[in-house]
Amino acid sequence: MHNHLKKQAVKKLILRLLVVILAIGGVVGYVNGATPASNCNIATCSTSIGTGKVSYSQVGTGQPILLLHGLFASKEQWYDMMCQLSEAGYRAIAPDLPGYGSSTGFTVRDYALENQAALLHQFTDRLGMRSLHIAGSSMGGAIALQISNDDRPG
């Protein structure tokens, strides 16, 4: 069991390093005038969760990576990163969190971090994601931490 936990920790570290490397690549590409998001086919979809509707963008196939935006942001902040992750063989999914962007119909109660984590569990279940990687920026990082600490199978 201890060996399994060690392997999971190494996988998480490798993914975090990949995200940092891709982020640096995105900044370098931006400085050089590259626009990766204009060269990949990001689809925007929505699904009903709880009392509301979650708008999300996705691109790619392979192991899913859920990308969570920060306070006063939206899913679009991830577009360049999503294209790079897609090119690396991942399925990148970025939702507008309840109360942000194009997601609608949620109550004020839903905005609490633990309630957003619960809604995102429903979201990932709805999309059939049993196993996934997760990354977040700012408030999205806090929600990602909440999700990763939840006791759920998979």
N, C-alpha and C. Protein backbone atom coordinates (compact mmCIF):
# COMPACT_ATOMS: atom_id res chain seq x y z
N MET A 1 0.83 -1.19 0.00
CA MET A 1 0.00 0.00 0.00
C MET A 1 0.87 1.25 0.00
N HIS A 2 1.95 1.23 0.80
CA HIS A 2 2.86 2.37 0.88
C HIS A 2 3.47 2.66 -0.49
N ASN A 3 3.83 1.61 -1.22
CA ASN A 3 4.41 1.75 -2.55
C ASN A 3 3.42 2.40 -3.52
N HIS A 4 2.13 2.04 -3.40
CA HIS A 4 1.08 2.62 -4.24
C HIS A 4 0.97 4.12 -3.98
N LEU A 5 1.01 4.53 -2.71
CA LEU A 5 0.93 5.95 -2.37
C LEU A 5 2.13 6.71 -2.91
N LYS A 6 3.31 6.07 -2.84
CA LYS A 6 4.52 6.70 -3.35
C LYS A 6 4.41 6.90 -4.87
N LYS A 7 3.88 5.90 -5.58
CA LYS A 7 3.71 6.02 -7.02
C LYS A 7 2.73 7.14 -7.37
N GLN A 8 1.64 7.26 -6.60
CA GLN A 8 0.68 8.33 -6.84
C GLN A 8 1.33 9.70 -6.63
N ALA A 9 2.13 9.82 -5.59
CA ALA A 9 2.80 11.10 -5.30
C ALA A 9 3.76 11.46 -6.43
N VAL A 10 4.48 10.48 -6.97
CA VAL A 10 5.40 10.73 -8.07
C VAL A 10 4.63 11.15 -9.32
N LYS A 11 3.50 10.47 -9.60
CA LYS A 11 2.68 10.85 -10.75
C LYS A 11 2.19 12.28 -10.63
N LYS A 12 1.73 12.67 -9.42
CA LYS A 12 1.25 14.03 -9.21
C LYS A 12 2.37 15.04 -9.41
N LEU A 13 3.57 14.72 -8.92
CA LEU A 13 4.71 15.61 -9.08
C LEU A 13 5.07 15.77 -10.55
N ILE A 14 5.08 14.68 -11.29
CA ILE A 14 5.40 14.74 -12.71
C ILE A 14 4.38 15.59 -13.45
N LEU A 15 3.10 15.41 -13.15
CA LEU A 15 2.06 16.21 -13.81
C LEU A 15 2.22 17.68 -13.48
N ARG A 16 2.51 17.99 -12.21
CA ARG A 16 2.70 19.40 -11.84
C ARG A 16 3.87 20.01 -12.59
N LEU A 17 4.95 19.25 -12.73
CA LEU A 17 6.10 19.74 -13.48
C LEU A 17 5.74 19.95 -14.94
N LEU A 18 4.94 19.04 -15.51
CA LEU A 18 4.49 19.17 -16.89
C LEU A 18 3.68 20.45 -17.06
N VAL A 19 2.77 20.70 -16.12
CA VAL A 19 1.95 21.91 -16.20
C VAL A 19 2.83 23.16 -16.14
N VAL A 20 3.83 23.17 -15.26
CA VAL A 20 4.73 24.32 -15.14
C VAL A 20 5.53 24.49 -16.44
N ILE A 21 6.02 23.39 -16.99
CA ILE A 21 6.78 23.46 -18.24
C ILE A 21 5.91 23.99 -19.37
N LEU A 22 4.67 23.48 -19.44
CA LEU A 22 3.76 23.95 -20.48
C LEU A 22 3.40 25.42 -20.28
N ALA A 23 3.26 25.83 -19.02
CA ALA A 23 2.95 27.24 -18.74
C ALA A 23 4.10 28.13 -19.19
N ILE A 24 5.31 27.71 -18.91
CA ILE A 24 6.48 28.49 -19.35
C ILE A 24 6.53 28.52 -20.87
N GLY A 25 6.26 27.38 -21.50
CA GLY A 25 6.21 27.33 -22.97
C GLY A 25 5.16 28.26 -23.53
N GLY A 26 4.01 28.33 -22.85
CA GLY A 26 2.95 29.23 -23.29
C GLY A 26 3.36 30.67 -23.20
N VAL A 27 4.06 31.04 -22.12
CA VAL A 27 4.54 32.42 -21.96
C VAL A 27 5.56 32.74 -23.04
N VAL A 28 6.47 31.81 -23.29
CA VAL A 28 7.48 32.03 -24.33
C VAL A 28 6.79 32.16 -25.69
N GLY A 29 5.81 31.29 -25.95
CA GLY A 29 5.06 31.37 -27.21
C GLY A 29 4.31 32.68 -27.34
N TYR A 30 3.74 33.16 -26.24
CA TYR A 30 3.00 34.42 -26.25
C TYR A 30 3.96 35.57 -26.56
N VAL A 31 5.12 35.55 -25.93
CA VAL A 31 6.11 36.61 -26.16
C VAL A 31 6.56 36.59 -27.62
N ASN A 32 6.67 35.39 -28.20
CA ASN A 32 7.10 35.26 -29.59
C ASN A 32 5.97 35.46 -30.59
N GLY A 33 4.75 35.74 -30.10
CA GLY A 33 3.64 36.01 -30.99
C GLY A 33 2.84 34.79 -31.40
N ALA A 34 3.17 33.61 -30.87
CA ALA A 34 2.41 32.40 -31.21
C ALA A 34 1.05 32.45 -30.51
N THR A 35 0.05 31.89 -31.17
CA THR A 35 -1.28 31.82 -30.57
C THR A 35 -1.80 30.40 -30.71
N PRO A 36 -1.37 29.49 -29.81
CA PRO A 36 -1.76 28.10 -29.93
C PRO A 36 -3.28 27.90 -29.91
N ALA A 37 -4.02 28.69 -29.17
CA ALA A 37 -5.47 28.49 -29.07
C ALA A 37 -6.15 28.72 -30.41
N SER A 38 -5.56 29.53 -31.27
CA SER A 38 -6.18 29.77 -32.57
C SER A 38 -5.94 28.60 -33.52
N ASN A 39 -5.05 27.69 -33.15
CA ASN A 39 -4.70 26.57 -34.02
C ASN A 39 -5.25 25.23 -33.55
N CYS A 40 -6.09 25.19 -32.53
CA CYS A 40 -6.68 23.93 -32.10
C CYS A 40 -8.18 24.11 -31.95
N ASN A 41 -8.89 23.02 -32.04
CA ASN A 41 -10.35 23.07 -32.06
C ASN A 41 -10.94 22.84 -30.68
N ILE A 42 -11.01 23.89 -29.90
CA ILE A 42 -11.60 23.81 -28.56
C ILE A 42 -13.12 23.86 -28.71
N ALA A 43 -13.78 22.85 -28.15
CA ALA A 43 -15.25 22.80 -28.19
C ALA A 43 -15.80 23.38 -26.89
N THR A 44 -16.87 24.16 -26.99
CA THR A 44 -17.55 24.67 -25.81
C THR A 44 -18.89 23.96 -25.69
N CYS A 45 -19.14 23.42 -24.50
CA CYS A 45 -20.33 22.61 -24.23
C CYS A 45 -20.93 23.07 -22.91
N SER A 46 -22.05 22.47 -22.54
CA SER A 46 -22.62 22.72 -21.22
C SER A 46 -23.36 21.47 -20.76
N THR A 47 -23.52 21.36 -19.44
CA THR A 47 -24.26 20.26 -18.85
C THR A 47 -24.94 20.74 -17.58
N SER A 48 -26.08 20.18 -17.27
CA SER A 48 -26.81 20.55 -16.05
C SER A 48 -26.23 19.81 -14.86
N ILE A 49 -25.98 20.57 -13.80
CA ILE A 49 -25.47 20.03 -12.54
C ILE A 49 -26.22 20.73 -11.42
N GLY A 50 -26.82 19.96 -10.53
CA GLY A 50 -27.56 20.57 -9.43
C GLY A 50 -28.64 21.49 -9.98
N THR A 51 -28.68 22.73 -9.47
CA THR A 51 -29.70 23.69 -9.90
C THR A 51 -29.26 24.52 -11.11
N GLY A 52 -28.03 24.32 -11.56
CA GLY A 52 -27.50 25.18 -12.62
C GLY A 52 -26.99 24.44 -13.83
N LYS A 53 -26.36 25.20 -14.70
CA LYS A 53 -25.77 24.67 -15.92
C LYS A 53 -24.30 25.10 -15.96
N VAL A 54 -23.40 24.13 -16.12
CA VAL A 54 -21.97 24.39 -16.19
C VAL A 54 -21.56 24.45 -17.65
N SER A 55 -20.96 25.57 -18.02
CA SER A 55 -20.38 25.73 -19.34
C SER A 55 -18.92 25.29 -19.23
N TYR A 56 -18.46 24.53 -20.22
CA TYR A 56 -17.07 24.08 -20.17
C TYR A 56 -16.51 23.97 -21.58
N SER A 57 -15.20 24.01 -21.65
CA SER A 57 -14.49 23.84 -22.92
C SER A 57 -13.65 22.59 -22.81
N GLN A 58 -13.47 21.91 -23.94
CA GLN A 58 -12.63 20.72 -23.94
C GLN A 58 -11.96 20.55 -25.29
N VAL A 59 -10.82 19.88 -25.26
CA VAL A 59 -10.08 19.57 -26.47
C VAL A 59 -9.19 18.37 -26.18
N GLY A 60 -8.97 17.55 -27.18
CA GLY A 60 -8.04 16.45 -27.08
C GLY A 60 -8.68 15.15 -26.64
N THR A 61 -7.84 14.12 -26.65
CA THR A 61 -8.23 12.79 -26.20
C THR A 61 -7.13 12.29 -25.27
N GLY A 62 -7.41 11.24 -24.57
CA GLY A 62 -6.42 10.70 -23.66
C GLY A 62 -6.82 10.93 -22.22
N GLN A 63 -5.87 10.83 -21.32
CA GLN A 63 -6.11 11.01 -19.89
C GLN A 63 -6.63 12.43 -19.65
N PRO A 64 -7.78 12.58 -18.95
CA PRO A 64 -8.33 13.93 -18.74
C PRO A 64 -7.57 14.74 -17.69
N ILE A 65 -7.49 16.03 -17.96
CA ILE A 65 -6.93 17.00 -17.02
C ILE A 65 -8.00 18.09 -16.85
N LEU A 66 -8.46 18.24 -15.61
CA LEU A 66 -9.45 19.25 -15.28
C LEU A 66 -8.72 20.52 -14.84
N LEU A 67 -9.00 21.63 -15.51
CA LEU A 67 -8.32 22.91 -15.25
C LEU A 67 -9.32 23.88 -14.64
N LEU A 68 -9.03 24.36 -13.43
CA LEU A 68 -9.95 25.22 -12.70
C LEU A 68 -9.40 26.65 -12.61
N HIS A 69 -10.19 27.59 -13.06
CA HIS A 69 -9.77 29.00 -13.07
C HIS A 69 -9.86 29.62 -11.67
N GLY A 70 -9.30 30.81 -11.55
CA GLY A 70 -9.31 31.52 -10.29
C GLY A 70 -10.48 32.49 -10.14
N LEU A 71 -10.46 33.20 -9.04
CA LEU A 71 -11.48 34.18 -8.71
C LEU A 71 -11.56 35.25 -9.80
N PHE A 72 -12.78 35.59 -10.22
CA PHE A 72 -13.05 36.60 -11.24
C PHE A 72 -12.44 36.25 -12.61
N ALA A 73 -12.25 34.97 -12.87
CA ALA A 73 -11.70 34.53 -14.16
C ALA A 73 -12.73 33.62 -14.84
N SER A 74 -12.31 32.97 -15.90
CA SER A 74 -13.20 32.06 -16.63
C SER A 74 -12.37 30.99 -17.32
N LYS A 75 -13.08 30.04 -17.92
CA LYS A 75 -12.43 28.91 -18.58
C LYS A 75 -11.47 29.35 -19.68
N GLU A 76 -11.74 30.48 -20.30
CA GLU A 76 -10.92 30.94 -21.43
C GLU A 76 -9.46 31.20 -21.04
N GLN A 77 -9.19 31.43 -19.76
CA GLN A 77 -7.81 31.67 -19.35
C GLN A 77 -6.92 30.48 -19.66
N TRP A 78 -7.51 29.30 -19.83
CA TRP A 78 -6.75 28.07 -20.03
C TRP A 78 -6.57 27.71 -21.50
N TYR A 79 -7.10 28.45 -22.43
CA TYR A 79 -7.14 28.01 -23.82
C TYR A 79 -5.77 27.66 -24.40
N ASP A 80 -4.78 28.49 -24.23
CA ASP A 80 -3.45 28.18 -24.77
C ASP A 80 -2.89 26.90 -24.12
N MET A 81 -3.04 26.79 -22.81
CA MET A 81 -2.57 25.60 -22.10
C MET A 81 -3.32 24.36 -22.57
N MET A 82 -4.63 24.50 -22.80
CA MET A 82 -5.43 23.36 -23.25
C MET A 82 -4.92 22.83 -24.59
N CYS A 83 -4.58 23.72 -25.49
CA CYS A 83 -4.06 23.29 -26.79
C CYS A 83 -2.73 22.55 -26.64
N GLN A 84 -1.89 23.06 -25.77
CA GLN A 84 -0.60 22.40 -25.54
C GLN A 84 -0.79 21.03 -24.89
N LEU A 85 -1.72 20.93 -23.94
CA LEU A 85 -1.99 19.64 -23.31
C LEU A 85 -2.58 18.66 -24.33
N SER A 86 -3.43 19.15 -25.20
CA SER A 86 -4.01 18.31 -26.25
C SER A 86 -2.92 17.77 -27.16
N GLU A 87 -2.01 18.64 -27.55
CA GLU A 87 -0.90 18.21 -28.41
C GLU A 87 -0.01 17.19 -27.71
N ALA A 88 0.03 17.23 -26.37
CA ALA A 88 0.83 16.28 -25.60
C ALA A 88 0.07 14.98 -25.34
N GLY A 89 -1.17 14.86 -25.85
CA GLY A 89 -1.90 13.61 -25.73
C GLY A 89 -2.92 13.55 -24.61
N TYR A 90 -3.30 14.69 -24.07
CA TYR A 90 -4.27 14.73 -22.97
C TYR A 90 -5.62 15.26 -23.45
N ARG A 91 -6.65 14.97 -22.71
CA ARG A 91 -7.96 15.59 -22.89
C ARG A 91 -8.06 16.70 -21.84
N ALA A 92 -8.06 17.94 -22.27
CA ALA A 92 -8.11 19.08 -21.35
C ALA A 92 -9.54 19.59 -21.25
N ILE A 93 -10.02 19.74 -20.02
CA ILE A 93 -11.38 20.22 -19.76
C ILE A 93 -11.28 21.41 -18.81
N ALA A 94 -11.91 22.52 -19.18
CA ALA A 94 -11.91 23.72 -18.34
C ALA A 94 -13.34 24.21 -18.18
N PRO A 95 -13.93 24.05 -16.99
CA PRO A 95 -15.28 24.55 -16.77
C PRO A 95 -15.27 26.00 -16.29
N ASP A 96 -16.35 26.72 -16.56
CA ASP A 96 -16.61 27.97 -15.85
C ASP A 96 -17.20 27.54 -14.51
N LEU A 97 -16.56 27.90 -13.43
CA LEU A 97 -17.05 27.52 -12.11
C LEU A 97 -18.39 28.20 -11.84
N PRO A 98 -19.21 27.62 -10.96
CA PRO A 98 -20.50 28.24 -10.64
C PRO A 98 -20.33 29.71 -10.24
N GLY A 99 -21.11 30.56 -10.90
CA GLY A 99 -21.05 32.00 -10.63
C GLY A 99 -20.10 32.75 -11.54
N TYR A 100 -19.45 32.06 -12.47
CA TYR A 100 -18.46 32.69 -13.34
C TYR A 100 -18.74 32.37 -14.80
N GLY A 101 -18.26 33.26 -15.67
CA GLY A 101 -18.36 33.02 -17.11
C GLY A 101 -19.78 32.72 -17.55
N SER A 102 -19.93 31.64 -18.31
CA SER A 102 -21.22 31.28 -18.88
C SER A 102 -21.99 30.25 -18.06
N SER A 103 -21.48 29.86 -16.90
CA SER A 103 -22.22 28.94 -16.02
C SER A 103 -23.31 29.74 -15.31
N THR A 104 -24.52 29.19 -15.28
CA THR A 104 -25.67 29.93 -14.76
C THR A 104 -26.55 29.07 -13.87
N GLY A 105 -27.41 29.74 -13.09
CA GLY A 105 -28.45 29.06 -12.34
C GLY A 105 -28.05 28.53 -10.98
N PHE A 106 -26.91 28.90 -10.48
CA PHE A 106 -26.46 28.39 -9.20
C PHE A 106 -26.84 29.37 -8.08
N THR A 107 -27.01 28.84 -6.89
CA THR A 107 -27.35 29.66 -5.73
C THR A 107 -26.09 30.17 -5.06
N VAL A 108 -26.22 31.17 -4.23
CA VAL A 108 -25.07 31.72 -3.50
C VAL A 108 -24.42 30.63 -2.65
N ARG A 109 -25.22 29.73 -2.13
CA ARG A 109 -24.69 28.62 -1.32
C ARG A 109 -23.69 27.77 -2.12
N ASP A 110 -23.93 27.64 -3.43
CA ASP A 110 -23.06 26.83 -4.29
C ASP A 110 -21.65 27.42 -4.42
N TYR A 111 -21.47 28.69 -4.08
CA TYR A 111 -20.19 29.35 -4.29
C TYR A 111 -19.14 29.00 -3.23
N ALA A 112 -19.56 28.41 -2.12
CA ALA A 112 -18.59 27.97 -1.09
C ALA A 112 -17.66 26.93 -1.71
N LEU A 113 -16.37 26.98 -1.36
CA LEU A 113 -15.39 26.10 -1.98
C LEU A 113 -15.76 24.63 -1.86
N GLU A 114 -16.21 24.21 -0.68
CA GLU A 114 -16.55 22.79 -0.52
C GLU A 114 -17.77 22.41 -1.37
N ASN A 115 -18.69 23.34 -1.58
CA ASN A 115 -19.85 23.06 -2.42
C ASN A 115 -19.46 23.05 -3.90
N GLN A 116 -18.51 23.92 -4.27
CA GLN A 116 -18.01 23.88 -5.65
C GLN A 116 -17.30 22.55 -5.92
N ALA A 117 -16.54 22.07 -4.93
CA ALA A 117 -15.87 20.78 -5.08
C ALA A 117 -16.91 19.67 -5.28
N ALA A 118 -17.99 19.70 -4.50
CA ALA A 118 -19.05 18.69 -4.63
C ALA A 118 -19.71 18.78 -6.01
N LEU A 119 -19.96 20.00 -6.50
CA LEU A 119 -20.55 20.17 -7.83
C LEU A 119 -19.60 19.67 -8.91
N LEU A 120 -18.29 19.88 -8.73
CA LEU A 120 -17.33 19.40 -9.72
C LEU A 120 -17.22 17.88 -9.71
N HIS A 121 -17.42 17.25 -8.55
CA HIS A 121 -17.50 15.78 -8.53
C HIS A 121 -18.67 15.32 -9.40
N GLN A 122 -19.81 16.00 -9.27
CA GLN A 122 -20.97 15.66 -10.11
C GLN A 122 -20.65 15.90 -11.59
N PHE A 123 -19.95 16.99 -11.85
CA PHE A 123 -19.57 17.34 -13.22
C PHE A 123 -18.68 16.25 -13.83
N THR A 124 -17.63 15.83 -13.11
CA THR A 124 -16.73 14.82 -13.64
C THR A 124 -17.45 13.48 -13.79
N ASP A 125 -18.36 13.17 -12.87
CA ASP A 125 -19.16 11.95 -13.02
C ASP A 125 -20.01 12.03 -14.28
N ARG A 126 -20.64 13.18 -14.51
CA ARG A 126 -21.50 13.37 -15.68
C ARG A 126 -20.71 13.17 -16.97
N LEU A 127 -19.44 13.62 -16.97
CA LEU A 127 -18.61 13.48 -18.17
C LEU A 127 -17.91 12.13 -18.25
N GLY A 128 -18.18 11.26 -17.27
CA GLY A 128 -17.61 9.91 -17.30
C GLY A 128 -16.14 9.84 -16.94
N MET A 129 -15.65 10.82 -16.19
CA MET A 129 -14.24 10.83 -15.80
C MET A 129 -14.08 10.12 -14.46
N ARG A 130 -13.59 8.89 -14.49
CA ARG A 130 -13.39 8.13 -13.27
C ARG A 130 -12.01 8.38 -12.67
N SER A 131 -11.07 8.71 -13.54
CA SER A 131 -9.70 9.00 -13.12
C SER A 131 -9.25 10.23 -13.89
N LEU A 132 -8.66 11.19 -13.20
CA LEU A 132 -8.26 12.42 -13.88
C LEU A 132 -7.15 13.12 -13.12
N HIS A 133 -6.49 14.00 -13.82
CA HIS A 133 -5.54 14.92 -13.21
C HIS A 133 -6.29 16.22 -13.01
N ILE A 134 -5.82 17.03 -12.07
CA ILE A 134 -6.50 18.30 -11.81
C ILE A 134 -5.47 19.38 -11.50
N ALA A 135 -5.70 20.57 -12.03
CA ALA A 135 -4.84 21.71 -11.77
C ALA A 135 -5.73 22.94 -11.61
N GLY A 136 -5.29 23.88 -10.81
CA GLY A 136 -6.07 25.07 -10.60
C GLY A 136 -5.21 26.29 -10.38
N SER A 137 -5.78 27.44 -10.67
CA SER A 137 -5.12 28.71 -10.47
C SER A 137 -5.88 29.48 -9.39
N SER A 138 -5.17 29.98 -8.39
CA SER A 138 -5.77 30.81 -7.36
C SER A 138 -6.91 30.05 -6.67
N MET A 139 -8.12 30.59 -6.70
CA MET A 139 -9.26 29.92 -6.08
C MET A 139 -9.45 28.52 -6.66
N GLY A 140 -9.20 28.36 -7.96
CA GLY A 140 -9.29 27.04 -8.58
C GLY A 140 -8.31 26.06 -7.97
N GLY A 141 -7.15 26.56 -7.54
CA GLY A 141 -6.17 25.71 -6.85
C GLY A 141 -6.69 25.23 -5.51
N ALA A 142 -7.39 26.12 -4.79
CA ALA A 142 -7.98 25.73 -3.51
C ALA A 142 -9.07 24.68 -3.71
N ILE A 143 -9.87 24.84 -4.76
CA ILE A 143 -10.91 23.85 -5.05
C ILE A 143 -10.27 22.54 -5.49
N ALA A 144 -9.21 22.60 -6.29
CA ALA A 144 -8.50 21.39 -6.72
C ALA A 144 -7.95 20.64 -5.51
N LEU A 145 -7.41 21.37 -4.55
CA LEU A 145 -6.91 20.74 -3.33
C LEU A 145 -8.04 20.06 -2.57
N GLN A 146 -9.18 20.73 -2.47
CA GLN A 146 -10.35 20.16 -1.80
C GLN A 146 -10.76 18.85 -2.49
N ILE A 147 -10.82 18.88 -3.81
CA ILE A 147 -11.21 17.69 -4.57
C ILE A 147 -10.20 16.56 -4.37
N SER A 148 -8.91 16.90 -4.42
CA SER A 148 -7.90 15.85 -4.30
C SER A 148 -7.85 15.26 -2.90
N ASN A 149 -8.34 15.98 -1.89
CA ASN A 149 -8.37 15.47 -0.52
C ASN A 149 -9.64 14.72 -0.18
N ASP A 150 -10.67 14.81 -1.06
CA ASP A 150 -11.91 14.08 -0.83
C ASP A 150 -11.68 12.59 -0.93
N ASP A 151 -12.36 11.84 -0.10
CA ASP A 151 -12.27 10.38 -0.13
C ASP A 151 -13.25 9.85 -1.15
N ARG A 152 -12.74 9.65 -2.37
CA ARG A 152 -13.58 9.10 -3.44
C ARG A 152 -12.79 8.02 -4.14
N PRO A 153 -13.47 6.99 -4.59
CA PRO A 153 -12.76 5.94 -5.32
C PRO A 153 -12.24 6.47 -6.65
N GLY A 154 -11.21 5.82 -7.17
CA GLY A 154 -10.67 6.20 -8.50
C GLY A 154 -9.46 6.92 -8.34
